[in-house]
Every structure is written in C-alpha cells, then in structure tokens.
Amino acid sequence: MIHGVNFASAGAGIILSSGSELYQRASFAMQVEQFVDMFQQMKLSTGEEASERLVSKSVFHISIGVNDYIHFYIKNISNVLQSLYSR
C-alpha cells in the first residue's frame, strides 16, 4: 500500500451499468468503496496519522467515462443501423 494501489477496472464508467453487457467489471462506485476499505485497513496497520499523511501526499489519477459512451452506443446501435439502412 505504501508504494501504490490500483483499483482500475476495464469497462467501468460513471454510469453504473456501463460495461455490464460486455464483461464483468468493478464500477466506479465499487472502486471508491475499495479505496475506503483499503484506507481503513491502512489506518489499522500503520496508524491514523501516518495513513492520513501518506494519502494527503498521494497522487490520484482517475480516467473514466469512455465506456459510458460505448455503453450508449451499444445499447442504441441496432436502432441507428436500422434507421441508416432502412431508407
């Protein structure tokens, strides 16, 4: 935990259902829960002050949302294709 933690999950999106029909994934909400659980464990093992100091100096990278577009596209592709080719 001291050198880094990764909660990334391919297919996750801001929308809870993003990626659900493609494969199993950890939603963004679940990833936040995993962070909270890890932080609680860290406080128990290294102490509250040391844990808070470490997290306050940490870098967080959140890249999410592309699969929300894909989710919308997949759910609507049949309607789009049907309207394009039924002319």
Protein backbone atom coordinates (compact mmCIF):
# COMPACT_ATOMS: atom_id res chain seq x y z
CA MET A 1 0.00 0.00 0.00
CA ILE A 2 2.87 2.37 0.69
CA HIS A 3 4.20 2.24 -2.90
CA GLY A 4 0.88 2.34 -4.72
CA VAL A 5 -2.52 0.79 -5.17
CA ASN A 6 -4.51 0.33 -8.37
CA PHE A 7 -8.28 -0.09 -8.29
CA ALA A 8 -8.72 0.17 -12.06
CA SER A 9 -11.26 -1.98 -13.82
CA ALA A 10 -11.62 -2.09 -17.58
CA GLY A 11 -15.15 -1.31 -18.62
CA ALA A 12 -16.11 0.80 -15.64
CA GLY A 13 -17.92 4.07 -16.20
CA ILE A 14 -19.65 6.84 -14.35
CA ILE A 15 -22.99 5.27 -15.27
CA LEU A 16 -23.42 2.23 -13.02
CA SER A 17 -24.48 -0.06 -15.88
CA SER A 18 -21.60 0.87 -18.22
CA GLY A 19 -19.80 -2.24 -19.44
CA SER A 20 -22.30 -4.60 -17.83
CA GLU A 21 -23.25 -6.37 -21.05
CA LEU A 22 -19.66 -6.78 -22.24
CA TYR A 23 -17.90 -8.34 -19.26
CA GLN A 24 -17.70 -8.29 -15.50
CA ARG A 25 -16.13 -5.11 -14.11
CA ALA A 26 -15.85 -3.12 -10.90
CA SER A 27 -17.97 0.02 -11.19
CA PHE A 28 -16.51 3.39 -10.24
CA ALA A 29 -18.60 3.32 -7.05
CA MET A 30 -17.14 -0.09 -6.19
CA GLN A 31 -13.61 1.21 -6.81
CA VAL A 32 -14.26 4.08 -4.38
CA GLU A 33 -15.52 1.54 -1.82
CA GLN A 34 -12.34 -0.49 -2.34
CA PHE A 35 -10.27 2.64 -1.64
CA VAL A 36 -12.21 3.36 1.55
CA ASP A 37 -11.75 -0.25 2.73
CA MET A 38 -8.03 -0.14 1.94
CA PHE A 39 -7.64 3.19 3.77
CA GLN A 40 -9.37 1.76 6.86
CA GLN A 41 -7.02 -1.26 6.79
CA MET A 42 -4.05 1.05 6.34
CA LYS A 43 -5.08 3.11 9.38
CA LEU A 44 -5.31 -0.08 11.44
CA SER A 45 -1.87 -1.28 10.36
CA THR A 46 0.16 1.95 10.24
CA GLY A 47 -1.86 4.30 12.43
CA GLU A 48 -4.31 7.07 11.58
CA GLU A 49 -1.83 9.95 11.49
CA ALA A 50 0.71 8.17 9.26
CA SER A 51 -2.04 6.93 6.93
CA GLU A 52 -3.61 10.36 6.56
CA ARG A 53 -0.20 11.94 5.93
CA LEU A 54 0.60 9.38 3.23
CA VAL A 55 -2.76 9.74 1.49
CA SER A 56 -2.63 13.54 1.67
CA LYS A 57 0.68 13.44 -0.26
CA SER A 58 -0.54 10.87 -2.76
CA VAL A 59 -1.32 11.38 -6.43
CA PHE A 60 -4.71 10.14 -7.62
CA HIS A 61 -5.37 9.53 -11.31
CA ILE A 62 -8.96 8.97 -12.38
CA SER A 63 -9.66 8.27 -16.02
CA ILE A 64 -13.24 7.25 -16.58
CA GLY A 65 -16.14 7.89 -18.89
CA VAL A 66 -15.19 6.45 -22.27
CA ASN A 67 -17.20 3.31 -21.59
CA ASP A 68 -20.25 5.45 -20.83
CA TYR A 69 -20.19 6.48 -24.49
CA ILE A 70 -19.59 2.90 -25.61
CA HIS A 71 -22.45 1.70 -23.39
CA PHE A 72 -24.81 4.22 -25.00
CA TYR A 73 -23.57 3.30 -28.49
CA ILE A 74 -24.00 -0.46 -27.97
CA LYS A 75 -27.47 -0.05 -26.49
CA ASN A 76 -28.55 2.09 -29.46
CA ILE A 77 -26.57 0.61 -32.34
CA SER A 78 -29.41 -1.57 -33.63
CA ASN A 79 -31.76 1.44 -33.81
CA VAL A 80 -29.09 3.55 -35.51
CA LEU A 81 -28.22 0.86 -38.06
CA GLN A 82 -31.84 0.14 -38.74
CA SER A 83 -32.57 3.81 -39.46
CA LEU A 84 -29.48 4.13 -41.67
CA TYR A 85 -30.13 1.08 -43.84
CA SER A 86 -33.93 1.08 -43.98
CA ARG A 87 -34.16 4.03 -46.35
